[in-house]
Every structure is written in structure tokens, then in C-alpha cells.
C-alpha atoms as a PDB file:
ATOM      1  CA  UNK A   1      11.457   8.794  -4.244  1.00  0.00           C
ATOM      2  CA  UNK A   2      14.605   9.492  -6.247  1.00  0.00           C
ATOM      3  CA  UNK A   3      14.605   6.147  -8.068  1.00  0.00           C
ATOM      4  CA  UNK A   4      11.013   6.634  -9.204  1.00  0.00           C
ATOM      5  CA  UNK A   5       9.749   9.355 -11.522  1.00  0.00           C
ATOM      6  CA  UNK A   6       6.233   8.554 -10.333  1.00  0.00           C
ATOM      7  CA  UNK A   7       4.578   6.103  -8.014  1.00  0.00           C
ATOM      8  CA  UNK A   8       4.127   2.531  -9.239  1.00  0.00           C
ATOM      9  CA  UNK A   9       0.881   1.477 -10.861  1.00  0.00           C
ATOM     10  CA  UNK A  10       0.620  -1.766  -8.881  1.00  0.00           C
ATOM     11  CA  UNK A  11       0.998  -2.278  -5.131  1.00  0.00           C
ATOM     12  CA  UNK A  12       1.348  -5.567  -3.276  1.00  0.00           C
ATOM     13  CA  UNK A  13       0.534  -5.657   0.439  1.00  0.00           C
ATOM     14  CA  UNK A  14       2.005  -8.388   2.606  1.00  0.00           C
ATOM     15  CA  UNK A  15      -0.183 -10.458   4.865  1.00  0.00           C
ATOM     16  CA  UNK A  16      -0.180 -13.788   6.642  1.00  0.00           C
ATOM     17  CA  UNK A  17      -2.331 -15.159   3.781  1.00  0.00           C
ATOM     18  CA  UNK A  18       0.188 -14.405   1.040  1.00  0.00           C
ATOM     19  CA  UNK A  19       3.473 -14.867   2.915  1.00  0.00           C
ATOM     20  CA  UNK A  20       4.230 -18.216   1.268  1.00  0.00           C
ATOM     21  CA  UNK A  21       4.258 -16.734  -2.240  1.00  0.00           C
ATOM     22  CA  UNK A  22       5.784 -13.293  -1.649  1.00  0.00           C
ATOM     23  CA  UNK A  23       9.357 -14.216  -2.584  1.00  0.00           C
ATOM     24  CA  UNK A  24       8.310 -15.606  -5.971  1.00  0.00           C
ATOM     25  CA  UNK A  25       5.710 -12.937  -6.584  1.00  0.00           C
ATOM     26  CA  UNK A  26       8.091 -10.028  -5.917  1.00  0.00           C
ATOM     27  CA  UNK A  27      10.671 -11.602  -8.220  1.00  0.00           C
ATOM     28  CA  UNK A  28       8.068 -12.197 -10.938  1.00  0.00           C
ATOM     29  CA  UNK A  29       6.696  -8.719 -11.622  1.00  0.00           C
ATOM     30  CA  UNK A  30       7.667  -7.330 -15.028  1.00  0.00           C
ATOM     31  CA  UNK A  31       7.639  -3.740 -13.819  1.00  0.00           C
ATOM     32  CA  UNK A  32       8.544  -2.044 -10.535  1.00  0.00           C
ATOM     33  CA  UNK A  33       5.735  -2.223  -8.001  1.00  0.00           C
ATOM     34  CA  UNK A  34       5.107  -0.740  -4.591  1.00  0.00           C
ATOM     35  CA  UNK A  35       5.498  -3.306  -1.851  1.00  0.00           C
ATOM     36  CA  UNK A  36       3.883  -2.581   1.519  1.00  0.00           C
ATOM     37  CA  UNK A  37       5.299  -4.767   4.255  1.00  0.00           C
ATOM     38  CA  UNK A  38       2.844  -5.352   7.082  1.00  0.00           C
ATOM     39  CA  UNK A  39       3.236  -8.881   8.540  1.00  0.00           C
ATOM     40  CA  UNK A  40       1.531  -7.952  11.789  1.00  0.00           C
ATOM     41  CA  UNK A  41       1.142 -11.648  12.616  1.00  0.00           C
ATOM     42  CA  UNK A  42       4.855 -12.205  13.295  1.00  0.00           C
ATOM     43  CA  UNK A  43       6.717 -11.689  16.538  1.00  0.00           C
ATOM     44  CA  UNK A  44       9.237  -8.833  16.396  1.00  0.00           C
ATOM     45  CA  UNK A  45      12.377 -10.869  15.626  1.00  0.00           C
ATOM     46  CA  UNK A  46      10.634 -12.857  12.881  1.00  0.00           C
ATOM     47  CA  UNK A  47       9.027  -9.716  11.454  1.00  0.00           C
ATOM     48  CA  UNK A  48      12.412  -8.001  11.162  1.00  0.00           C
ATOM     49  CA  UNK A  49      14.088 -11.029   9.572  1.00  0.00           C
ATOM     50  CA  UNK A  50      11.259 -11.528   7.066  1.00  0.00           C
ATOM     51  CA  UNK A  51      11.345  -7.834   6.152  1.00  0.00           C
ATOM     52  CA  UNK A  52      15.036  -7.976   5.253  1.00  0.00           C
ATOM     53  CA  UNK A  53      14.573 -11.163   3.214  1.00  0.00           C
ATOM     54  CA  UNK A  54      11.763  -9.587   1.184  1.00  0.00           C
ATOM     55  CA  UNK A  55      13.495  -6.211   0.952  1.00  0.00           C
ATOM     56  CA  UNK A  56      16.530  -7.861  -0.706  1.00  0.00           C
ATOM     57  CA  UNK A  57      14.285  -9.367  -3.397  1.00  0.00           C
ATOM     58  CA  UNK A  58      12.338  -6.131  -3.843  1.00  0.00           C
ATOM     59  CA  UNK A  59      15.494  -4.022  -4.211  1.00  0.00           C
ATOM     60  CA  UNK A  60      16.990  -6.455  -6.721  1.00  0.00           C
ATOM     61  CA  UNK A  61      13.823  -6.040  -8.826  1.00  0.00           C
ATOM     62  CA  UNK A  62      13.596  -2.250  -8.496  1.00  0.00           C
ATOM     63  CA  UNK A  63      10.481  -2.234  -6.300  1.00  0.00           C
ATOM     64  CA  UNK A  64       9.558   0.493  -3.852  1.00  0.00           C
ATOM     65  CA  UNK A  65       9.539  -0.785  -0.240  1.00  0.00           C
ATOM     66  CA  UNK A  66       7.072   0.760   2.207  1.00  0.00           C
ATOM     67  CA  UNK A  67       6.870  -0.270   5.858  1.00  0.00           C
ATOM     68  CA  UNK A  68       3.754  -0.302   7.975  1.00  0.00           C
ATOM     69  CA  UNK A  69       5.451   0.978  11.105  1.00  0.00           C
ATOM     70  CA  UNK A  70       6.927   4.162  12.528  1.00  0.00           C
ATOM     71  CA  UNK A  71       9.124   6.584  10.610  1.00  0.00           C
ATOM     72  CA  UNK A  72      11.982   5.755  12.983  1.00  0.00           C
ATOM     73  CA  UNK A  73      11.705   2.039  12.211  1.00  0.00           C
ATOM     74  CA  UNK A  74      11.388   2.722   8.482  1.00  0.00           C
ATOM     75  CA  UNK A  75      14.609   4.730   8.547  1.00  0.00           C
ATOM     76  CA  UNK A  76      16.413   2.072  10.620  1.00  0.00           C
ATOM     77  CA  UNK A  77      15.328  -0.707   8.284  1.00  0.00           C
ATOM     78  CA  UNK A  78      16.036   1.278   5.104  1.00  0.00           C
ATOM     79  CA  UNK A  79      12.467   1.439   3.799  1.00  0.00           C
ATOM     80  CA  UNK A  80      11.460   4.028   1.196  1.00  0.00           C
ATOM     81  CA  UNK A  81       8.409   5.106   3.152  1.00  0.00           C
ATOM     82  CA  UNK A  82       5.712   4.440   5.694  1.00  0.00           C
ATOM     83  CA  UNK A  83       2.090   3.299   5.476  1.00  0.00           C
ATOM     84  CA  UNK A  84      -0.763   3.906   7.866  1.00  0.00           C
ATOM     85  CA  UNK A  85      -3.724   5.972   8.962  1.00  0.00           C
ATOM     86  CA  UNK A  86      -3.206   9.647   8.061  1.00  0.00           C
ATOM     87  CA  UNK A  87      -2.802  10.884  11.628  1.00  0.00           C
ATOM     88  CA  UNK A  88      -0.166   8.210  12.323  1.00  0.00           C
ATOM     89  CA  UNK A  89       1.919   9.697   9.506  1.00  0.00           C
ATOM     90  CA  UNK A  90       1.969  13.196  11.012  1.00  0.00           C
ATOM     91  CA  UNK A  91       4.184  15.220  11.090  1.00  0.00           C
ATOM     92  CA  UNK A  92       5.226  15.278   7.438  1.00  0.00           C
ATOM     93  CA  UNK A  93       8.547  13.576   6.780  1.00  0.00           C
ATOM     94  CA  UNK A  94      10.249  14.683   3.583  1.00  0.00           C
ATOM     95  CA  UNK A  95      12.781  11.836   3.687  1.00  0.00           C
ATOM     96  CA  UNK A  96      10.126   9.102   3.491  1.00  0.00           C
ATOM     97  CA  UNK A  97       7.186   8.498   1.199  1.00  0.00           C
ATOM     98  CA  UNK A  98       3.947   8.594   3.134  1.00  0.00           C
ATOM     99  CA  UNK A  99       1.171   6.299   1.961  1.00  0.00           C
ATOM    100  CA  UNK A 100      -2.021   7.025   3.903  1.00  0.00           C
ATOM    101  CA  UNK A 101      -4.963   4.695   4.307  1.00  0.00           C
ATOM    102  CA  UNK A 102      -8.504   6.033   3.972  1.00  0.00           C
ATOM    103  CA  UNK A 103     -12.008   4.642   4.130  1.00  0.00           C
ATOM    104  CA  UNK A 104     -14.130   7.797   4.167  1.00  0.00           C
ATOM    105  CA  UNK A 105     -14.163  11.540   3.497  1.00  0.00           C
ATOM    106  CA  UNK A 106     -12.738  12.384   6.936  1.00  0.00           C
ATOM    107  CA  UNK A 107      -9.636  10.276   6.299  1.00  0.00           C
ATOM    108  CA  UNK A 108      -9.261  11.702   2.777  1.00  0.00           C
ATOM    109  CA  UNK A 109      -9.299  15.193   4.349  1.00  0.00           C
ATOM    110  CA  UNK A 110      -6.689  14.095   6.900  1.00  0.00           C
ATOM    111  CA  UNK A 111      -4.476  12.688   4.117  1.00  0.00           C
ATOM    112  CA  UNK A 112      -4.815  16.032   2.308  1.00  0.00           C
ATOM    113  CA  UNK A 113      -3.873  17.973   5.464  1.00  0.00           C
ATOM    114  CA  UNK A 114      -0.725  15.972   6.098  1.00  0.00           C
ATOM    115  CA  UNK A 115       0.187  16.142   2.384  1.00  0.00           C
ATOM    116  CA  UNK A 116       0.513  12.379   1.987  1.00  0.00           C
ATOM    117  CA  UNK A 117       2.271  11.240  -1.167  1.00  0.00           C
ATOM    118  CA  UNK A 118      -0.585   8.850  -1.974  1.00  0.00           C
ATOM    119  CA  UNK A 119      -3.690   7.424  -0.350  1.00  0.00           C
ATOM    120  CA  UNK A 120      -4.963   3.843  -0.446  1.00  0.00           C
ATOM    121  CA  UNK A 121      -8.736   4.104  -0.514  1.00  0.00           C
ATOM    122  CA  UNK A 122     -10.645   1.002   0.559  1.00  0.00           C
ATOM    123  CA  UNK A 123     -12.471  -1.266   0.438  1.00  0.00           C
ATOM    124  CA  UNK A 124     -13.573  -0.709  -3.131  1.00  0.00           C
ATOM    125  CA  UNK A 125     -15.103  -4.180  -3.456  1.00  0.00           C
ATOM    126  CA  UNK A 126     -15.902  -6.930  -0.931  1.00  0.00           C
ATOM    127  CA  UNK A 127     -12.676  -8.335   0.456  1.00  0.00           C
ATOM    128  CA  UNK A 128     -11.428 -11.337   2.413  1.00  0.00           C
ATOM    129  CA  UNK A 129      -9.552  -8.957   4.723  1.00  0.00           C
ATOM    130  CA  UNK A 130     -12.817  -7.602   6.114  1.00  0.00           C
ATOM    131  CA  UNK A 131     -15.538 -10.193   5.451  1.00  0.00           C
ATOM    132  CA  UNK A 132     -19.026  -8.745   5.537  1.00  0.00           C
ATOM    133  CA  UNK A 133     -17.812  -5.140   5.743  1.00  0.00           C
ATOM    134  CA  UNK A 134     -19.597  -2.749   3.396  1.00  0.00           C
ATOM    135  CA  UNK A 135     -17.645  -1.946   0.244  1.00  0.00           C
ATOM    136  CA  UNK A 136     -17.463   1.544  -1.257  1.00  0.00           C
ATOM    137  CA  UNK A 137     -18.426   0.435  -4.755  1.00  0.00           C
ATOM    138  CA  UNK A 138     -17.259   2.184  -7.908  1.00  0.00           C
ATOM    139  CA  UNK A 139     -19.401   5.336  -7.607  1.00  0.00           C
ATOM    140  CA  UNK A 140     -18.536   6.070  -3.958  1.00  0.00           C
ATOM    141  CA  UNK A 141     -14.872   5.260  -4.600  1.00  0.00           C
ATOM    142  CA  UNK A 142     -14.760   7.799  -7.457  1.00  0.00           C
ATOM    143  CA  UNK A 143     -16.529  10.450  -5.363  1.00  0.00           C
ATOM    144  CA  UNK A 144     -14.071  10.059  -2.492  1.00  0.00           C
ATOM    145  CA  UNK A 145     -11.081   9.853  -4.838  1.00  0.00           C
ATOM    146  CA  UNK A 146     -12.098  13.134  -6.488  1.00  0.00           C
ATOM    147  CA  UNK A 147     -11.461  14.915  -3.173  1.00  0.00           C
ATOM    148  CA  UNK A 148      -7.926  13.591  -2.723  1.00  0.00           C
ATOM    149  CA  UNK A 149      -5.107  16.000  -3.489  1.00  0.00           C
ATOM    150  CA  UNK A 150      -2.677  13.176  -4.204  1.00  0.00           C
ATOM    151  CA  UNK A 151      -2.637   9.934  -6.194  1.00  0.00           C
ATOM    152  CA  UNK A 152      -5.304   7.445  -5.110  1.00  0.00           C
ATOM    153  CA  UNK A 153      -4.572   3.722  -4.992  1.00  0.00           C
ATOM    154  CA  UNK A 154      -7.665   1.498  -5.115  1.00  0.00           C
ATOM    155  CA  UNK A 155      -7.613  -1.281  -2.501  1.00  0.00           C
ATOM    156  CA  UNK A 156     -10.051  -3.928  -1.391  1.00  0.00           C
ATOM    157  CA  UNK A 157     -11.203  -6.833  -3.530  1.00  0.00           C
ATOM    158  CA  UNK A 158      -8.930  -5.633  -6.315  1.00  0.00           C
ATOM    159  CA  UNK A 159      -7.896  -7.984  -9.102  1.00  0.00           C
ATOM    160  CA  UNK A 160      -6.920  -7.286 -12.681  1.00  0.00           C
ATOM    161  CA  UNK A 161     -10.563  -7.812 -13.676  1.00  0.00           C
ATOM    162  CA  UNK A 162     -11.907  -5.507 -10.936  1.00  0.00           C
ATOM    163  CA  UNK A 163      -9.331  -2.823 -11.746  1.00  0.00           C
ATOM    164  CA  UNK A 164     -10.468  -2.965 -15.364  1.00  0.00           C
ATOM    165  CA  UNK A 165     -14.128  -2.857 -14.313  1.00  0.00           C
ATOM    166  CA  UNK A 166     -13.400   0.136 -12.080  1.00  0.00           C
ATOM    167  CA  UNK A 167     -11.373   1.807 -14.833  1.00  0.00           C
ATOM    168  CA  UNK A 168      -8.677   2.720 -12.305  1.00  0.00           C
ATOM    169  CA  UNK A 169      -5.046   2.200 -13.293  1.00  0.00           C
ATOM    170  CA  UNK A 170      -3.417   2.389  -9.858  1.00  0.00           C
ATOM    171  CA  UNK A 171      -4.406  -0.354  -7.473  1.00  0.00           C
ATOM    172  CA  UNK A 172      -3.220  -2.589  -4.646  1.00  0.00           C
ATOM    173  CA  UNK A 173      -4.039  -6.067  -3.464  1.00  0.00           C
ATOM    174  CA  UNK A 174      -3.137  -8.813  -1.063  1.00  0.00           C
ATOM    175  CA  UNK A 175      -4.726 -11.841  -2.712  1.00  0.00           C
ATOM    176  CA  UNK A 176      -5.396 -10.241  -6.111  1.00  0.00           C
ATOM    177  CA  UNK A 177      -1.687  -9.965  -6.933  1.00  0.00           C
ATOM    178  CA  UNK A 178      -0.446 -13.030  -5.144  1.00  0.00           C
END
């Protein structure tokens, strides 16, 4: 995390839904953001090629690049860190940022145990990624976030308006930022 004094305030997650606008969106942010590359929908060769295309844009703009994959792959591809369920991030890797995902108290506790650098807690609000799934809501989100021993990034149905409504300055989105 040498280029960053702290983690970015905004995080953009890649997805099949927003792939067509990622190049322009990454180039258009006025401040450095965290970019989580997922693109699970692509075959391996296409996923690798798309990663390097987007990484070039992200680096040019000063963004943090996190890969949803193994630590080995993240190192090979030159990512700044890895993203995933807390237990998939174990053991702790000091050379990569570790962004854990969490949906409940058990996963918050796991993120604490592995000393993740941040946790994305979701879904705060109803989201297109998981239609019909129950959302945490503001009160439950705050309760869970209060138990995290690292920065918490709100995810799920997040937009500028919802982030303001939640009163949470660090948030991530797929559609809400693209």
C-alpha cells in the first residue's frame, strides 16, 4: 500500500454488467479509487487480457488494483491485493492488501482473525447482484461494522444517494459507480 496513505473512499467492482463502461469510468474518476477486478464470466485467456487492459488505465489514473483470485495470481499479474471470503485470504500476506467480503457477524470475526486490511460488508441495500436477497439495512450494517477491527466498505445497492443516506463515507458499487 506504499502509494496510498489510506484506503480509497470509493471502490468500483467489475462485473459482466458494467464491462462496457469500465475503461471510461476508470479514466473519469477525479480521485484515486479502489478497483476490484472480478470478471468471473470470462474464459481464462479473455479474463487475463481484460485485466491487463483495465490495469493499465487504473495505474495511469493512480487507482488501487485488487484481484479477485489467488495471492499467487495477484502477484503474477501485478495486482496490489486480493479480494474474497475471509478464509480464502488466509494465511496473511504482508505483500498484498487483503480485502475480505462479509455478510454476517461470523465473517466479520473471520476478517478480524486474519487481520484483513478492509472488509466489504454487504448487501446494505437491495441489489441487482442478488435479487430478492435480504438486505442488511442501515441499522444492521452499523451494528456489524462496529465489530470490525479494520475499515469497512459498504457494498450492495450503493449509490451516491444511498451512501449519503447511510452516512458512510467509504463505499463500493458495481452499477452505482458505473
